[in-house]
Amino acid sequence: MKSLKQISFSMVMLILMASFSQCSTAQKLQEKAPTQFGDVYFQKWTAGVKGGGSGLNLFVPVKDKSVRLDSAYFRGKAVKFEIREANEGLLYVGRFKTEFNQPKQDMIMSSDPNKEYGNQLQKKTSAIPFELKDDECVVSYIKDGKILYYKISNVNERESLNYPSAPPNKNIKIN
């Protein structure tokens, strides 16, 4: 009787382990590219005024307009792509903000909770489901109703853009 309990318990555990072994949080990368990519590159930028922001833009040129890229995963962050028309196809742009030169949020710290009412919560960034080198990105795309992922290596860095602060326009009249 005791061995029957042990056998049935072992069978139940085996079935449970087998059913959970198919679940995985890691995303599967596709071996074959969904389309032909042009020269994929990124470019850092910084605003010329204090608090104007900074970031980097990831550019993914695609010749085939039938494939629609959705998101980019790059340097620990994820963003949705913006789409632009290009000479020979489409240009997907992922805009990643960085911490440098961002406007500072004033926080009110008080023992009175009513005085802290207007404080903004800090945005929590979640880890991306991929381990990538600094010159690699993953793009997601939808095919047959499924989200698929493809890793692009050798992402080149171009010279950064430093936007100077522009002097005020003297021709604008303020009433």
C-alpha atoms as a PDB file:
ATOM      1  CA  MET A   1       0.000   0.000   0.000  1.00  0.00           C
ATOM      2  CA  LYS A   2       2.820   2.358   0.892  1.00  0.00           C
ATOM      3  CA  SER A   3       4.634   1.670  -2.378  1.00  0.00           C
ATOM      4  CA  LEU A   4       1.406   2.367  -4.305  1.00  0.00           C
ATOM      5  CA  LYS A   5       1.236   5.827  -2.686  1.00  0.00           C
ATOM      6  CA  GLN A   6       4.857   6.489  -3.549  1.00  0.00           C
ATOM      7  CA  ILE A   7       4.358   5.409  -7.153  1.00  0.00           C
ATOM      8  CA  SER A   8       1.207   7.515  -7.582  1.00  0.00           C
ATOM      9  CA  PHE A   9       2.910  10.526  -5.949  1.00  0.00           C
ATOM     10  CA  SER A  10       5.916  10.096  -8.247  1.00  0.00           C
ATOM     11  CA  MET A  11       3.664   9.876 -11.301  1.00  0.00           C
ATOM     12  CA  VAL A  12       1.782  13.043 -10.348  1.00  0.00           C
ATOM     13  CA  MET A  13       5.070  14.901  -9.783  1.00  0.00           C
ATOM     14  CA  LEU A  14       6.442  13.654 -13.086  1.00  0.00           C
ATOM     15  CA  ILE A  15       3.344  14.845 -14.951  1.00  0.00           C
ATOM     16  CA  LEU A  16       3.495  18.251 -13.247  1.00  0.00           C
ATOM     17  CA  MET A  17       7.172  18.679 -14.042  1.00  0.00           C
ATOM     18  CA  ALA A  18       6.633  17.668 -17.654  1.00  0.00           C
ATOM     19  CA  SER A  19       3.769  20.127 -18.074  1.00  0.00           C
ATOM     20  CA  PHE A  20       5.798  23.036 -16.674  1.00  0.00           C
ATOM     21  CA  SER A  21       8.915  22.212 -18.666  1.00  0.00           C
ATOM     22  CA  GLN A  22       7.226  23.581 -21.807  1.00  0.00           C
ATOM     23  CA  CYS A  23       6.755  27.007 -20.195  1.00  0.00           C
ATOM     24  CA  SER A  24       9.601  29.450 -20.580  1.00  0.00           C
ATOM     25  CA  THR A  25       9.897  33.176 -20.074  1.00  0.00           C
ATOM     26  CA  ALA A  26      12.890  33.408 -22.400  1.00  0.00           C
ATOM     27  CA  GLN A  27      11.953  34.606 -25.855  1.00  0.00           C
ATOM     28  CA  LYS A  28      13.046  32.474 -28.798  1.00  0.00           C
ATOM     29  CA  LEU A  29      15.160  34.279 -31.380  1.00  0.00           C
ATOM     30  CA  GLN A  30      14.583  33.485 -35.031  1.00  0.00           C
ATOM     31  CA  GLU A  31      17.542  32.193 -37.010  1.00  0.00           C
ATOM     32  CA  LYS A  32      16.390  33.643 -40.341  1.00  0.00           C
ATOM     33  CA  ALA A  33      15.959  37.389 -40.816  1.00  0.00           C
ATOM     34  CA  PRO A  34      12.366  38.424 -41.618  1.00  0.00           C
ATOM     35  CA  THR A  35      13.640  40.857 -44.258  1.00  0.00           C
ATOM     36  CA  GLN A  36      16.855  42.330 -45.596  1.00  0.00           C
ATOM     37  CA  PHE A  37      18.177  45.018 -43.248  1.00  0.00           C
ATOM     38  CA  GLY A  38      20.267  47.954 -44.392  1.00  0.00           C
ATOM     39  CA  ASP A  39      23.067  49.494 -42.322  1.00  0.00           C
ATOM     40  CA  VAL A  40      21.678  49.402 -38.760  1.00  0.00           C
ATOM     41  CA  TYR A  41      23.201  52.129 -36.586  1.00  0.00           C
ATOM     42  CA  PHE A  42      22.589  54.273 -33.523  1.00  0.00           C
ATOM     43  CA  GLN A  43      23.349  57.888 -32.757  1.00  0.00           C
ATOM     44  CA  LYS A  44      23.530  59.582 -29.363  1.00  0.00           C
ATOM     45  CA  TRP A  45      22.089  63.076 -28.964  1.00  0.00           C
ATOM     46  CA  THR A  46      22.107  65.771 -26.285  1.00  0.00           C
ATOM     47  CA  ALA A  47      20.022  68.927 -26.070  1.00  0.00           C
ATOM     48  CA  GLY A  48      21.946  72.180 -25.785  1.00  0.00           C
ATOM     49  CA  VAL A  49      19.915  73.518 -22.889  1.00  0.00           C
ATOM     50  CA  LYS A  50      19.989  72.336 -19.298  1.00  0.00           C
ATOM     51  CA  GLY A  51      17.177  69.865 -18.699  1.00  0.00           C
ATOM     52  CA  GLY A  52      16.514  69.523 -22.438  1.00  0.00           C
ATOM     53  CA  GLY A  53      17.125  65.792 -22.417  1.00  0.00           C
ATOM     54  CA  SER A  54      19.399  63.288 -24.061  1.00  0.00           C
ATOM     55  CA  GLY A  55      19.202  59.847 -25.537  1.00  0.00           C
ATOM     56  CA  LEU A  56      20.079  57.693 -28.453  1.00  0.00           C
ATOM     57  CA  ASN A  57      18.216  56.846 -31.608  1.00  0.00           C
ATOM     58  CA  LEU A  58      18.409  53.415 -33.205  1.00  0.00           C
ATOM     59  CA  PHE A  59      17.938  53.382 -36.996  1.00  0.00           C
ATOM     60  CA  VAL A  60      16.876  50.175 -38.771  1.00  0.00           C
ATOM     61  CA  PRO A  61      16.448  50.557 -42.566  1.00  0.00           C
ATOM     62  CA  VAL A  62      14.287  47.892 -44.241  1.00  0.00           C
ATOM     63  CA  LYS A  63      13.771  47.437 -47.977  1.00  0.00           C
ATOM     64  CA  ASP A  64      10.707  45.166 -47.819  1.00  0.00           C
ATOM     65  CA  LYS A  65       7.596  47.165 -46.887  1.00  0.00           C
ATOM     66  CA  SER A  66       5.515  44.021 -46.259  1.00  0.00           C
ATOM     67  CA  VAL A  67       7.322  43.269 -42.972  1.00  0.00           C
ATOM     68  CA  ARG A  68       6.315  45.495 -40.060  1.00  0.00           C
ATOM     69  CA  LEU A  69       8.736  45.781 -37.163  1.00  0.00           C
ATOM     70  CA  ASP A  70       7.131  46.523 -33.802  1.00  0.00           C
ATOM     71  CA  SER A  71       9.724  47.104 -31.069  1.00  0.00           C
ATOM     72  CA  ALA A  72      13.445  47.358 -30.428  1.00  0.00           C
ATOM     73  CA  TYR A  73      15.456  46.016 -27.492  1.00  0.00           C
ATOM     74  CA  PHE A  74      18.804  47.747 -27.112  1.00  0.00           C
ATOM     75  CA  ARG A  75      21.209  48.329 -24.213  1.00  0.00           C
ATOM     76  CA  GLY A  76      18.808  47.136 -21.545  1.00  0.00           C
ATOM     77  CA  LYS A  77      15.770  49.096 -22.741  1.00  0.00           C
ATOM     78  CA  ALA A  78      12.787  48.514 -25.001  1.00  0.00           C
ATOM     79  CA  VAL A  79      10.831  50.981 -27.164  1.00  0.00           C
ATOM     80  CA  LYS A  80       8.207  50.913 -29.908  1.00  0.00           C
ATOM     81  CA  PHE A  81       9.427  51.848 -33.358  1.00  0.00           C
ATOM     82  CA  GLU A  82       8.459  54.991 -35.247  1.00  0.00           C
ATOM     83  CA  ILE A  83       8.149  54.428 -39.000  1.00  0.00           C
ATOM     84  CA  ARG A  84       9.429  56.809 -41.696  1.00  0.00           C
ATOM     85  CA  GLU A  85       9.396  56.517 -45.461  1.00  0.00           C
ATOM     86  CA  ALA A  86      12.900  56.165 -46.909  1.00  0.00           C
ATOM     87  CA  ASN A  87      14.319  56.204 -50.437  1.00  0.00           C
ATOM     88  CA  GLU A  88      14.293  52.434 -50.783  1.00  0.00           C
ATOM     89  CA  GLY A  89      11.764  51.130 -48.264  1.00  0.00           C
ATOM     90  CA  LEU A  90      11.127  52.090 -44.653  1.00  0.00           C
ATOM     91  CA  LEU A  91      13.265  53.460 -41.833  1.00  0.00           C
ATOM     92  CA  TYR A  92      12.382  52.301 -38.329  1.00  0.00           C
ATOM     93  CA  VAL A  93      13.534  54.607 -35.529  1.00  0.00           C
ATOM     94  CA  GLY A  94      13.698  53.610 -31.867  1.00  0.00           C
ATOM     95  CA  ARG A  95      14.098  56.580 -29.516  1.00  0.00           C
ATOM     96  CA  PHE A  96      15.728  55.728 -26.177  1.00  0.00           C
ATOM     97  CA  LYS A  97      15.976  58.416 -23.490  1.00  0.00           C
ATOM     98  CA  THR A  98      18.966  58.457 -21.172  1.00  0.00           C
ATOM     99  CA  GLU A  99      19.335  59.871 -17.669  1.00  0.00           C
ATOM    100  CA  PHE A 100      21.799  62.596 -18.624  1.00  0.00           C
ATOM    101  CA  ASN A 101      20.414  66.139 -18.977  1.00  0.00           C
ATOM    102  CA  GLN A 102      16.843  65.189 -18.109  1.00  0.00           C
ATOM    103  CA  PRO A 103      14.734  67.758 -16.247  1.00  0.00           C
ATOM    104  CA  LYS A 104      14.807  67.189 -12.515  1.00  0.00           C
ATOM    105  CA  GLN A 105      11.541  66.428 -10.769  1.00  0.00           C
ATOM    106  CA  ASP A 106      11.067  68.329  -7.520  1.00  0.00           C
ATOM    107  CA  MET A 107       9.873  66.094  -4.717  1.00  0.00           C
ATOM    108  CA  ILE A 108       8.284  67.400  -1.575  1.00  0.00           C
ATOM    109  CA  MET A 109       9.244  65.407   1.492  1.00  0.00           C
ATOM    110  CA  SER A 110       7.099  66.125   4.515  1.00  0.00           C
ATOM    111  CA  SER A 111       5.621  64.417   7.540  1.00  0.00           C
ATOM    112  CA  ASP A 112       2.250  65.694   6.295  1.00  0.00           C
ATOM    113  CA  PRO A 113       1.051  63.378   3.481  1.00  0.00           C
ATOM    114  CA  ASN A 114      -1.182  66.119   2.041  1.00  0.00           C
ATOM    115  CA  LYS A 115       1.897  68.203   1.175  1.00  0.00           C
ATOM    116  CA  GLU A 116       3.361  65.274  -0.779  1.00  0.00           C
ATOM    117  CA  TYR A 117       0.224  64.885  -2.910  1.00  0.00           C
ATOM    118  CA  GLY A 118       1.683  66.254  -6.166  1.00  0.00           C
ATOM    119  CA  ASN A 119       4.828  64.074  -6.152  1.00  0.00           C
ATOM    120  CA  GLN A 120       5.323  61.870  -9.208  1.00  0.00           C
ATOM    121  CA  LEU A 121       6.297  58.248  -8.788  1.00  0.00           C
ATOM    122  CA  GLN A 122       9.576  57.258 -10.359  1.00  0.00           C
ATOM    123  CA  LYS A 123       9.190  55.090 -13.429  1.00  0.00           C
ATOM    124  CA  LYS A 124      10.300  51.541 -12.824  1.00  0.00           C
ATOM    125  CA  THR A 125      12.215  50.018 -15.698  1.00  0.00           C
ATOM    126  CA  SER A 126      11.827  46.314 -16.237  1.00  0.00           C
ATOM    127  CA  ALA A 127      14.638  44.147 -17.482  1.00  0.00           C
ATOM    128  CA  ILE A 128      14.482  43.073 -21.101  1.00  0.00           C
ATOM    129  CA  PRO A 129      14.252  39.321 -21.757  1.00  0.00           C
ATOM    130  CA  PHE A 130      17.505  39.199 -23.751  1.00  0.00           C
ATOM    131  CA  GLU A 131      21.200  39.279 -22.917  1.00  0.00           C
ATOM    132  CA  LEU A 132      22.784  41.536 -25.516  1.00  0.00           C
ATOM    133  CA  LYS A 133      26.210  43.017 -26.158  1.00  0.00           C
ATOM    134  CA  ASP A 134      26.536  46.781 -26.662  1.00  0.00           C
ATOM    135  CA  ASP A 135      26.579  46.343 -30.450  1.00  0.00           C
ATOM    136  CA  GLU A 136      23.515  44.049 -30.615  1.00  0.00           C
ATOM    137  CA  CYS A 137      19.795  44.758 -30.717  1.00  0.00           C
ATOM    138  CA  VAL A 138      16.684  42.610 -31.004  1.00  0.00           C
ATOM    139  CA  VAL A 139      13.733  43.640 -33.140  1.00  0.00           C
ATOM    140  CA  SER A 140      10.255  42.206 -32.736  1.00  0.00           C
ATOM    141  CA  TYR A 141       7.809  41.720 -35.586  1.00  0.00           C
ATOM    142  CA  ILE A 142       4.444  40.062 -36.050  1.00  0.00           C
ATOM    143  CA  LYS A 143       4.017  37.146 -38.425  1.00  0.00           C
ATOM    144  CA  ASP A 144       0.843  35.060 -38.641  1.00  0.00           C
ATOM    145  CA  GLY A 145      -0.451  36.626 -35.421  1.00  0.00           C
ATOM    146  CA  LYS A 146       2.652  35.660 -33.422  1.00  0.00           C
ATOM    147  CA  ILE A 147       5.309  38.004 -32.063  1.00  0.00           C
ATOM    148  CA  LEU A 148       8.731  36.890 -33.266  1.00  0.00           C
ATOM    149  CA  TYR A 149      12.205  38.196 -32.418  1.00  0.00           C
ATOM    150  CA  TYR A 150      15.368  38.564 -34.450  1.00  0.00           C
ATOM    151  CA  LYS A 151      18.812  39.631 -33.190  1.00  0.00           C
ATOM    152  CA  ILE A 152      20.884  42.076 -35.239  1.00  0.00           C
ATOM    153  CA  SER A 153      24.615  42.145 -34.541  1.00  0.00           C
ATOM    154  CA  ASN A 154      27.266  44.743 -35.417  1.00  0.00           C
ATOM    155  CA  VAL A 155      25.117  47.811 -34.781  1.00  0.00           C
ATOM    156  CA  ASN A 156      27.382  50.733 -35.654  1.00  0.00           C
ATOM    157  CA  GLU A 157      27.682  53.972 -33.694  1.00  0.00           C
ATOM    158  CA  ARG A 158      27.675  57.225 -35.636  1.00  0.00           C
ATOM    159  CA  GLU A 159      28.922  60.593 -34.468  1.00  0.00           C
ATOM    160  CA  SER A 160      26.724  62.043 -31.741  1.00  0.00           C
ATOM    161  CA  LEU A 161      24.451  65.033 -32.296  1.00  0.00           C
ATOM    162  CA  ASN A 162      24.807  67.913 -29.876  1.00  0.00           C
ATOM    163  CA  TYR A 163      21.999  70.364 -30.412  1.00  0.00           C
ATOM    164  CA  PRO A 164      23.072  73.892 -29.474  1.00  0.00           C
ATOM    165  CA  SER A 165      20.666  76.172 -27.711  1.00  0.00           C
ATOM    166  CA  ALA A 166      19.096  78.498 -30.240  1.00  0.00           C
ATOM    167  CA  PRO A 167      18.815  82.214 -29.496  1.00  0.00           C
ATOM    168  CA  PRO A 168      15.262  83.506 -29.153  1.00  0.00           C
ATOM    169  CA  ASN A 169      13.556  84.643 -32.344  1.00  0.00           C
ATOM    170  CA  LYS A 170      13.292  88.472 -32.194  1.00  0.00           C
ATOM    171  CA  ASN A 171      10.581  88.574 -34.889  1.00  0.00           C
ATOM    172  CA  ILE A 172       7.967  86.910 -32.667  1.00  0.00           C
ATOM    173  CA  LYS A 173       5.707  89.402 -30.916  1.00  0.00           C
ATOM    174  CA  ILE A 174       4.264  88.413 -27.559  1.00  0.00           C
ATOM    175  CA  ASN A 175       1.068  90.165 -26.521  1.00  0.00           C
END
